[in-house]
Amino acid sequence: MRRRLFWIVMLVVAFALIFLIRNSDSTDGLSNTDVGYGIYYGLLALVVGASVLALYGRKLARAFNAALIWLVIALSLIVAYTYRNEMSEVYERVMAELMPGRTFNRGTNVVEIVRGRNGDFQVRTQINGVRIPMVLDTGASAVVLTQEAAKAAGLPIEVLTYDVNVDTANGRTKAASVTLDSVAVGSIVERAVPALIAQPGQLRTSLLGMNFLKRLESWEMRGDKVVMRGYP
């Protein structure tokens, strides 16, 4: 079986080469370059065919199965590379659905966030370049950071003055006023954002309040999602 297939491959390659050479002599035939490429690829096919026969012998069916598997893998990689941008968008959207707080960038300045299981819009925010978990709170007039978040963002919490009156669910308290270098939500970045720092033990989670949302071109609730649109 192995020897028979070998000679079949040899005959096919030989006939192909004869055809190429004969056609190269005619006016409308192949050029010398085409003949050269034909001979090269013919010899390459011969070497590959002989190698397959030598490696697999009588188990030629396994060789074809292996070749088919590699062909499918190669085609899959080609398709994945061709549609890499679309696949990346699908991946980001799925991850945003599965991981509350993860932002999905719909373009340069449009961000979509999915509501969490507890009903809040958790937001993975970058404060001064540091990732700070926050909760979107339309009832809060300003961005409010916990002591831990303020320290992580590099703010000088040791010298803050808590002289701003703040009304909370537990009554009136005081907070410190600061200006954040940057607040980023996905692809939306706002600079020089006024914020408040809560006193130790006064706040469990940092709040993304209305003074950030008012800087945007628009924002809206769409069912279990909030869509933010920044200025170009």
Protein backbone atom coordinates (compact mmCIF):
# COMPACT_ATOMS: atom_id res chain seq x y z
CA MET A 1 0.00 0.00 0.00
CA ARG A 2 2.75 2.42 0.96
CA ARG A 3 4.82 1.70 -2.18
CA ARG A 4 1.76 1.98 -4.44
CA LEU A 5 0.81 5.39 -3.03
CA PHE A 6 4.38 6.57 -3.37
CA TRP A 7 4.46 5.77 -7.10
CA ILE A 8 1.05 7.34 -7.60
CA VAL A 9 2.36 10.57 -6.09
CA MET A 10 5.45 10.33 -8.27
CA LEU A 11 3.36 9.90 -11.44
CA VAL A 12 1.06 12.80 -10.58
CA VAL A 13 4.01 15.09 -9.96
CA ALA A 14 5.73 13.91 -13.17
CA PHE A 15 2.64 14.56 -15.32
CA ALA A 16 2.22 17.98 -13.69
CA LEU A 17 5.81 18.92 -14.48
CA ILE A 18 5.50 17.72 -18.10
CA PHE A 19 2.35 19.80 -18.50
CA LEU A 20 4.07 22.89 -17.12
CA ILE A 21 7.12 22.50 -19.34
CA ARG A 22 5.05 21.92 -22.52
CA ASN A 23 2.88 24.96 -21.85
CA SER A 24 5.87 27.16 -21.23
CA ASP A 25 6.92 26.76 -24.87
CA SER A 26 3.70 28.29 -26.25
CA THR A 27 3.04 31.99 -26.68
CA ASP A 28 0.02 31.98 -24.38
CA GLY A 29 1.56 29.49 -21.99
CA LEU A 30 3.33 29.85 -18.69
CA SER A 31 6.43 31.95 -18.16
CA ASN A 32 9.74 30.48 -17.04
CA THR A 33 9.05 31.89 -13.58
CA ASP A 34 5.72 30.05 -13.42
CA VAL A 35 7.44 26.83 -14.50
CA GLY A 36 10.05 27.31 -11.85
CA TYR A 37 7.42 27.79 -9.17
CA GLY A 38 5.54 24.76 -10.47
CA ILE A 39 8.63 22.56 -10.23
CA TYR A 40 9.40 23.91 -6.76
CA TYR A 41 5.92 23.26 -5.38
CA GLY A 42 5.78 19.91 -7.16
CA LEU A 43 8.98 18.77 -5.50
CA LEU A 44 7.72 20.14 -2.20
CA ALA A 45 4.51 18.14 -2.55
CA LEU A 46 6.60 15.06 -3.35
CA VAL A 47 8.75 15.51 -0.25
CA VAL A 48 5.73 16.08 1.97
CA GLY A 49 3.90 13.08 0.53
CA ALA A 50 6.95 10.85 0.91
CA SER A 51 7.45 12.07 4.48
CA VAL A 52 3.85 11.28 5.39
CA LEU A 53 4.17 7.79 3.93
CA ALA A 54 7.45 7.19 5.71
CA LEU A 55 6.11 8.36 9.06
CA TYR A 56 2.75 6.65 9.03
CA GLY A 57 3.21 3.70 6.71
CA ARG A 58 0.06 1.64 6.68
CA LYS A 59 -1.63 3.94 9.12
CA LEU A 60 -2.25 6.46 6.39
CA ALA A 61 -5.76 7.09 7.66
CA ARG A 62 -4.27 8.51 10.85
CA ALA A 63 -2.12 10.81 8.74
CA PHE A 64 -5.14 12.17 6.92
CA ASN A 65 -7.00 12.61 10.21
CA ALA A 66 -4.06 14.47 11.70
CA ALA A 67 -3.79 16.64 8.60
CA LEU A 68 -7.50 17.40 8.78
CA ILE A 69 -7.22 18.40 12.44
CA TRP A 70 -4.33 20.74 11.71
CA LEU A 71 -6.23 22.18 8.76
CA VAL A 72 -9.20 22.96 10.99
CA ILE A 73 -6.89 24.54 13.58
CA ALA A 74 -5.19 26.64 10.91
CA LEU A 75 -8.52 27.80 9.47
CA SER A 76 -9.77 28.64 12.98
CA LEU A 77 -6.69 30.75 13.65
CA ILE A 78 -7.12 32.53 10.32
CA VAL A 79 -10.77 33.28 11.07
CA ALA A 80 -9.92 34.44 14.61
CA TYR A 81 -7.22 36.77 13.28
CA THR A 82 -9.47 38.13 10.52
CA TYR A 83 -12.30 38.92 12.96
CA ARG A 84 -10.10 39.73 15.96
CA ASN A 85 -11.66 43.17 16.51
CA GLU A 86 -15.22 41.83 16.50
CA MET A 87 -14.24 38.93 18.78
CA SER A 88 -12.54 41.31 21.19
CA GLU A 89 -15.72 43.37 21.40
CA VAL A 90 -17.82 40.26 22.04
CA TYR A 91 -15.38 39.15 24.76
CA GLU A 92 -15.50 42.54 26.51
CA ARG A 93 -19.31 42.61 26.39
CA VAL A 94 -19.58 39.08 27.83
CA MET A 95 -17.10 39.89 30.60
CA ALA A 96 -19.02 43.06 31.44
CA GLU A 97 -22.19 40.98 31.80
CA LEU A 98 -20.52 38.34 33.97
CA MET A 99 -18.43 40.69 36.13
CA PRO A 100 -20.45 43.59 37.56
CA GLY A 101 -18.41 46.78 37.65
CA ARG A 102 -16.34 45.90 34.59
CA THR A 103 -16.79 48.61 31.98
CA PHE A 104 -17.59 47.92 28.34
CA ASN A 105 -16.28 50.60 26.00
CA ARG A 106 -18.69 51.21 23.14
CA GLY A 107 -16.41 53.44 21.14
CA THR A 108 -13.96 56.10 22.26
CA ASN A 109 -16.11 57.98 24.78
CA VAL A 110 -19.07 55.69 25.44
CA VAL A 111 -19.05 53.35 28.44
CA GLU A 112 -21.64 50.76 29.47
CA ILE A 113 -21.91 49.27 32.98
CA VAL A 114 -24.17 46.40 34.08
CA ARG A 115 -26.08 46.48 37.37
CA GLY A 116 -24.75 44.10 40.02
CA ARG A 117 -26.69 41.32 41.72
CA ASN A 118 -27.28 43.48 44.79
CA GLY A 119 -28.93 46.17 42.65
CA ASP A 120 -26.03 48.64 42.69
CA PHE A 121 -23.93 49.83 39.78
CA GLN A 122 -20.45 48.89 40.87
CA VAL A 123 -17.82 50.80 38.92
CA ARG A 124 -14.16 50.00 38.47
CA THR A 125 -12.80 53.52 38.54
CA GLN A 126 -9.28 54.83 38.14
CA ILE A 127 -8.55 57.62 40.64
CA ASN A 128 -5.25 59.37 39.95
CA GLY A 129 -4.26 56.28 37.96
CA VAL A 130 -5.10 53.85 40.79
CA ARG A 131 -7.96 51.36 40.52
CA ILE A 132 -10.62 52.19 43.10
CA PRO A 133 -13.89 50.22 43.39
CA MET A 134 -16.84 52.58 43.62
CA VAL A 135 -20.64 52.57 43.53
CA LEU A 136 -22.59 54.86 41.23
CA ASP A 137 -24.82 56.95 43.50
CA THR A 138 -27.10 59.52 41.85
CA GLY A 139 -28.17 60.60 45.34
CA ALA A 140 -24.66 61.78 46.17
CA SER A 141 -23.88 65.30 45.04
CA ALA A 142 -20.16 64.64 44.74
CA VAL A 143 -17.51 61.98 44.37
CA VAL A 144 -16.82 60.67 47.86
CA LEU A 145 -13.84 58.50 48.79
CA THR A 146 -13.25 56.35 51.83
CA GLN A 147 -10.11 56.83 53.87
CA GLU A 148 -8.61 53.67 52.37
CA ALA A 149 -9.37 54.78 48.81
CA ALA A 150 -7.94 58.25 49.43
CA LYS A 151 -4.73 56.76 50.80
CA ALA A 152 -4.45 54.37 47.82
CA ALA A 153 -4.90 57.31 45.43
CA GLY A 154 -1.97 59.11 47.05
CA LEU A 155 -3.91 61.86 48.77
CA PRO A 156 -2.39 63.47 51.89
CA ILE A 157 -5.00 62.22 54.36
CA GLU A 158 -2.82 63.19 57.35
CA VAL A 159 -3.23 66.91 56.69
CA LEU A 160 -6.87 67.00 55.56
CA THR A 161 -9.33 69.35 57.24
CA TYR A 162 -12.83 67.94 57.70
CA ASP A 163 -14.89 71.11 57.52
CA VAL A 164 -17.52 70.37 54.85
CA ASN A 165 -21.00 69.53 56.14
CA VAL A 166 -22.43 66.38 54.58
CA ASP A 167 -25.91 64.90 55.04
CA THR A 168 -25.96 61.10 55.08
CA ALA A 169 -28.50 58.39 55.88
CA ASN A 170 -27.08 58.32 59.42
CA GLY A 171 -27.31 62.05 59.91
CA ARG A 172 -25.04 65.03 59.35
CA THR A 173 -21.27 64.62 59.40
CA LYS A 174 -18.21 66.38 58.04
CA ALA A 175 -15.86 65.55 55.17
CA ALA A 176 -12.67 66.97 53.69
CA SER A 177 -12.63 68.71 50.31
CA VAL A 178 -9.97 67.77 47.73
CA THR A 179 -9.40 67.94 43.98
CA LEU A 180 -8.60 64.71 42.17
CA ASP A 181 -6.12 64.88 39.31
CA SER A 182 -8.13 62.40 37.25
CA VAL A 183 -11.20 60.18 37.44
CA ALA A 184 -11.46 57.55 34.71
CA VAL A 185 -14.35 55.20 33.99
CA GLY A 186 -13.38 52.99 31.08
CA SER A 187 -12.38 55.25 28.18
CA ILE A 188 -13.91 58.35 29.81
CA VAL A 189 -11.38 60.48 31.67
CA GLU A 190 -12.18 63.67 33.60
CA ARG A 191 -9.51 65.97 35.02
CA ALA A 192 -9.45 68.14 38.14
CA VAL A 193 -12.56 66.63 39.69
CA PRO A 194 -13.67 68.05 43.09
CA ALA A 195 -14.28 65.31 45.66
CA LEU A 196 -14.89 64.69 49.32
CA ILE A 197 -13.00 62.42 51.69
CA ALA A 198 -15.09 60.78 54.38
CA GLN A 199 -13.86 60.59 57.94
CA PRO A 200 -12.51 57.24 59.17
CA GLY A 201 -15.31 54.72 59.64
CA GLN A 202 -17.98 56.95 58.08
CA LEU A 203 -18.19 55.27 54.65
CA ARG A 204 -17.85 51.64 53.56
CA THR A 205 -17.68 52.16 49.79
CA SER A 206 -16.50 55.09 47.70
CA LEU A 207 -19.27 56.84 45.76
CA LEU A 208 -19.28 58.10 42.17
CA GLY A 209 -21.61 61.05 42.55
CA MET A 210 -23.38 63.61 40.42
CA ASN A 211 -20.51 66.08 40.00
CA PHE A 212 -18.82 63.43 37.82
CA LEU A 213 -21.98 62.59 35.86
CA LYS A 214 -22.70 66.29 35.20
CA ARG A 215 -19.37 66.59 33.41
CA LEU A 216 -20.46 64.06 30.80
CA GLU A 217 -22.19 64.86 27.54
CA SER A 218 -24.99 62.50 28.61
CA TRP A 219 -25.79 59.51 30.77
CA GLU A 220 -28.88 57.34 31.04
CA MET A 221 -30.27 54.20 32.62
CA ARG A 222 -31.28 51.46 30.19
CA GLY A 223 -32.87 48.69 32.21
CA ASP A 224 -30.06 46.97 34.08
CA LYS A 225 -27.38 49.09 32.40
CA VAL A 226 -26.11 52.61 32.66
CA VAL A 227 -24.60 54.22 29.56
CA MET A 228 -22.18 57.14 29.95
CA ARG A 229 -21.14 59.32 27.03
CA GLY A 230 -18.19 61.66 27.45
CA TYR A 231 -17.30 64.63 25.32
CA PRO A 232 -15.02 63.93 22.32
